[in-house]
Amino acid sequence: MKLFISLLALGFTLNADILLPENFKTDFQQTITNDKGKVIKYEGNVLFKNSKQVLATAEGVETTYTQSLFKWSYSSPTKKEVCTDGIQLIVVDHDLEQVSNYLIDDGINLEEILKLAKAISPTDYQATYKDVEYLITMDKKKQLQQIVYVDNLDNKVKIMFNNMNYDTDVNISTLECNAPQEYDQIKG
């Protein structure tokens, strides 16, 4: 579960070299290889939206804050939905018929990673954040294509994005994890 928390606490903010949109949807393939060589492969799709909120203050001054929302819908090898707003993580495991809720305390902060990223080729960027080295690859259109890193459990993680669509409008309601009432509720 810690791996899901790490992967889903990604907050997207732009670096001068890496241009990411306000919204996107994409398919993904995720490969996790442990230190003994065992490989687990996941597939599904991701929705992302930067949701801008305007807060009013007592003096009538408006303050804007941005919340990054993700929904990872896993279709293989298990059916699972993972939703996050960067603070809370909800995992709906349809095979186990359970919903788990977590507060994120130590996830990947892609905003900080991108700020630290240095170009090592026209499409590849490298960054070290919290003693973890990340390799971020962009495609020819400068769209996110791949993220590779070794997590704190020494798993090699590779996430490939396919059919990236930066020109999409993502409705906030599609980013919510929904589960039948009869699913078991687990608080993490």
Protein backbone atom coordinates (compact mmCIF):
# COMPACT_ATOMS: atom_id res chain seq x y z
CA MET A 1 0.00 0.00 0.00
CA LYS A 2 2.92 2.32 0.66
CA LEU A 3 3.77 2.04 -3.04
CA PHE A 4 0.31 3.32 -4.00
CA ILE A 5 0.74 6.24 -1.62
CA SER A 6 4.12 7.05 -3.13
CA LEU A 7 2.86 6.91 -6.68
CA LEU A 8 -0.30 8.83 -6.13
CA ALA A 9 0.88 11.79 -4.14
CA LEU A 10 2.18 13.35 -7.32
CA GLY A 11 1.56 17.08 -7.41
CA PHE A 12 2.07 18.52 -10.91
CA THR A 13 3.52 22.01 -11.23
CA LEU A 14 5.47 23.21 -14.22
CA ASN A 15 9.21 23.48 -14.59
CA ALA A 16 10.51 25.82 -17.30
CA ASP A 17 11.72 22.79 -19.29
CA ILE A 18 8.95 20.30 -18.50
CA LEU A 19 5.53 21.47 -19.63
CA LEU A 20 2.57 19.67 -18.11
CA PRO A 21 -1.04 20.71 -18.64
CA GLU A 22 -3.80 21.63 -16.24
CA ASN A 23 -5.59 18.37 -17.14
CA PHE A 24 -4.73 15.12 -18.82
CA LYS A 25 -5.85 11.55 -19.32
CA THR A 26 -3.68 8.63 -20.34
CA ASP A 27 -3.29 4.88 -20.26
CA PHE A 28 -0.45 3.44 -18.19
CA GLN A 29 1.60 0.32 -17.71
CA GLN A 30 3.40 0.03 -14.38
CA THR A 31 6.13 -2.51 -13.74
CA ILE A 32 7.44 -3.15 -10.24
CA THR A 33 10.48 -5.39 -9.85
CA ASN A 34 11.56 -6.38 -6.35
CA ASP A 35 15.14 -7.05 -5.24
CA LYS A 36 14.67 -10.79 -5.93
CA GLY A 37 13.66 -10.14 -9.55
CA LYS A 38 9.92 -10.81 -9.13
CA VAL A 39 7.95 -8.61 -11.53
CA ILE A 40 4.40 -7.34 -11.07
CA LYS A 41 2.71 -5.58 -13.99
CA TYR A 42 -0.29 -3.31 -13.74
CA GLU A 43 -2.35 -1.60 -16.44
CA GLY A 44 -5.08 0.99 -16.47
CA ASN A 45 -5.70 4.66 -17.04
CA VAL A 46 -5.06 7.92 -15.20
CA LEU A 47 -7.04 11.14 -14.98
CA PHE A 48 -5.40 14.31 -13.65
CA LYS A 49 -6.73 17.79 -12.95
CA ASN A 50 -5.30 20.86 -11.31
CA SER A 51 -8.34 22.28 -9.55
CA LYS A 52 -8.00 25.97 -8.76
CA GLN A 53 -9.94 27.15 -5.74
CA VAL A 54 -10.57 30.80 -4.90
CA LEU A 55 -10.78 31.55 -1.21
CA ALA A 56 -12.24 34.81 0.04
CA THR A 57 -10.74 36.50 3.08
CA ALA A 58 -12.36 38.84 5.59
CA GLU A 59 -10.76 41.83 3.86
CA GLY A 60 -12.33 40.84 0.53
CA VAL A 61 -8.98 39.80 -0.92
CA GLU A 62 -9.16 36.63 -2.98
CA THR A 63 -6.53 33.95 -2.57
CA THR A 64 -6.13 31.19 -5.14
CA TYR A 65 -4.82 27.76 -4.30
CA THR A 66 -4.35 24.77 -6.58
CA GLN A 67 -5.20 21.20 -5.66
CA SER A 68 -3.86 18.36 -7.79
CA LEU A 69 -6.38 15.54 -8.20
CA PHE A 70 -5.55 12.08 -9.56
CA LYS A 71 -7.57 8.97 -10.28
CA TRP A 72 -5.69 5.80 -11.21
CA SER A 73 -8.06 3.11 -12.51
CA TYR A 74 -6.32 -0.26 -12.53
CA SER A 75 -7.82 -2.82 -14.90
CA SER A 76 -5.19 -5.58 -14.73
CA PRO A 77 -4.26 -7.81 -12.96
CA THR A 78 -6.87 -6.60 -10.45
CA LYS A 79 -9.68 -4.07 -10.70
CA LYS A 80 -8.90 -1.16 -8.42
CA GLU A 81 -9.41 2.61 -8.25
CA VAL A 82 -7.01 4.92 -6.44
CA CYS A 83 -7.96 8.56 -5.93
CA THR A 84 -6.00 11.33 -4.25
CA ASP A 85 -6.04 15.04 -3.68
CA GLY A 86 -2.45 15.04 -2.39
CA ILE A 87 -3.65 14.85 1.22
CA GLN A 88 -6.00 11.89 1.35
CA LEU A 89 -5.76 8.65 -0.59
CA ILE A 90 -8.75 6.39 -1.25
CA VAL A 91 -8.25 2.88 -2.61
CA VAL A 92 -11.30 0.96 -3.86
CA ASP A 93 -10.38 -2.68 -4.40
CA HIS A 94 -13.27 -4.23 -6.32
CA ASP A 95 -11.81 -7.75 -6.12
CA LEU A 96 -11.60 -7.60 -2.30
CA GLU A 97 -14.76 -5.48 -2.02
CA GLN A 98 -13.10 -3.01 0.31
CA VAL A 99 -12.37 0.70 0.53
CA SER A 100 -9.22 1.93 2.29
CA ASN A 101 -8.66 5.54 3.35
CA TYR A 102 -5.21 6.95 4.13
CA LEU A 103 -3.65 10.27 4.92
CA ILE A 104 -0.56 10.83 2.80
CA ASP A 105 2.47 11.68 4.87
CA ASP A 106 5.47 10.81 2.70
CA GLY A 107 4.55 10.60 -0.96
CA ILE A 108 6.38 11.65 -4.08
CA ASN A 109 6.15 15.39 -4.60
CA LEU A 110 6.51 15.67 -8.37
CA GLU A 111 6.36 19.46 -8.12
CA GLU A 112 9.63 19.45 -6.18
CA ILE A 113 11.12 16.72 -8.34
CA LEU A 114 10.44 18.73 -11.49
CA LYS A 115 11.96 21.85 -9.94
CA LEU A 116 15.14 19.86 -9.32
CA ALA A 117 15.13 18.05 -12.69
CA LYS A 118 18.07 18.68 -14.99
CA ALA A 119 18.01 17.81 -18.67
CA ILE A 120 20.38 14.97 -19.56
CA SER A 121 19.14 14.69 -23.16
CA PRO A 122 16.46 16.43 -25.26
CA THR A 123 13.79 14.15 -23.76
CA ASP A 124 15.26 12.87 -20.47
CA TYR A 125 15.47 14.61 -17.10
CA GLN A 126 17.09 13.47 -13.89
CA ALA A 127 16.35 14.58 -10.34
CA THR A 128 17.23 13.48 -6.84
CA TYR A 129 14.60 14.10 -4.19
CA LYS A 130 14.70 12.73 -0.62
CA ASP A 131 17.65 10.51 -1.58
CA VAL A 132 15.71 8.90 -4.45
CA GLU A 133 16.85 9.36 -8.04
CA TYR A 134 14.15 9.84 -10.69
CA LEU A 135 14.40 9.61 -14.45
CA ILE A 136 11.58 11.44 -16.25
CA THR A 137 11.17 10.97 -19.99
CA MET A 138 9.11 13.22 -22.24
CA ASP A 139 8.02 12.28 -25.77
CA LYS A 140 8.73 14.29 -28.94
CA LYS A 141 5.72 16.53 -28.17
CA LYS A 142 7.18 17.25 -24.69
CA GLN A 143 4.43 15.22 -23.04
CA LEU A 144 5.06 12.96 -20.05
CA GLN A 145 6.02 9.49 -21.30
CA GLN A 146 7.73 7.64 -18.45
CA ILE A 147 8.88 7.84 -14.83
CA VAL A 148 11.49 5.43 -13.46
CA TYR A 149 12.83 5.22 -9.90
CA VAL A 150 13.76 2.84 -7.08
CA ASP A 151 11.36 3.18 -4.13
CA ASN A 152 12.25 3.03 -0.44
CA LEU A 153 11.62 -0.74 -0.44
CA ASP A 154 14.28 -1.23 -3.18
CA ASN A 155 11.62 -1.97 -5.80
CA LYS A 156 12.42 -0.78 -9.32
CA VAL A 157 9.35 1.14 -10.48
CA LYS A 158 8.68 2.02 -14.11
CA ILE A 159 5.51 3.80 -15.20
CA MET A 160 4.92 4.16 -18.94
CA PHE A 161 2.20 6.50 -20.21
CA ASN A 162 0.51 5.78 -23.58
CA ASN A 163 -2.16 7.66 -25.51
CA MET A 164 -1.42 10.80 -23.50
CA ASN A 165 -4.12 13.42 -24.05
CA TYR A 166 -3.20 16.87 -22.77
CA ASP A 167 -6.09 18.45 -24.69
CA THR A 168 -8.89 17.14 -22.56
CA ASP A 169 -11.33 18.58 -20.07
CA VAL A 170 -11.48 16.47 -16.91
CA ASN A 171 -14.63 16.88 -14.85
CA ILE A 172 -13.96 16.82 -11.09
CA SER A 173 -16.77 14.28 -10.54
CA THR A 174 -14.90 11.72 -12.72
CA LEU A 175 -11.96 11.92 -10.28
CA GLU A 176 -13.95 10.52 -7.37
CA CYS A 177 -13.62 6.93 -6.25
CA ASN A 178 -17.03 5.32 -5.94
CA ALA A 179 -17.77 2.05 -4.22
CA PRO A 180 -20.92 0.13 -3.31
CA GLN A 181 -22.11 0.72 0.27
CA GLU A 182 -21.61 -2.95 1.16
CA TYR A 183 -17.81 -2.79 0.67
CA ASP A 184 -15.76 -3.04 3.88
CA GLN A 185 -14.33 0.30 5.07
CA ILE A 186 -10.72 0.40 6.28
CA LYS A 187 -9.13 3.47 7.83
CA GLY A 188 -5.33 3.66 7.46
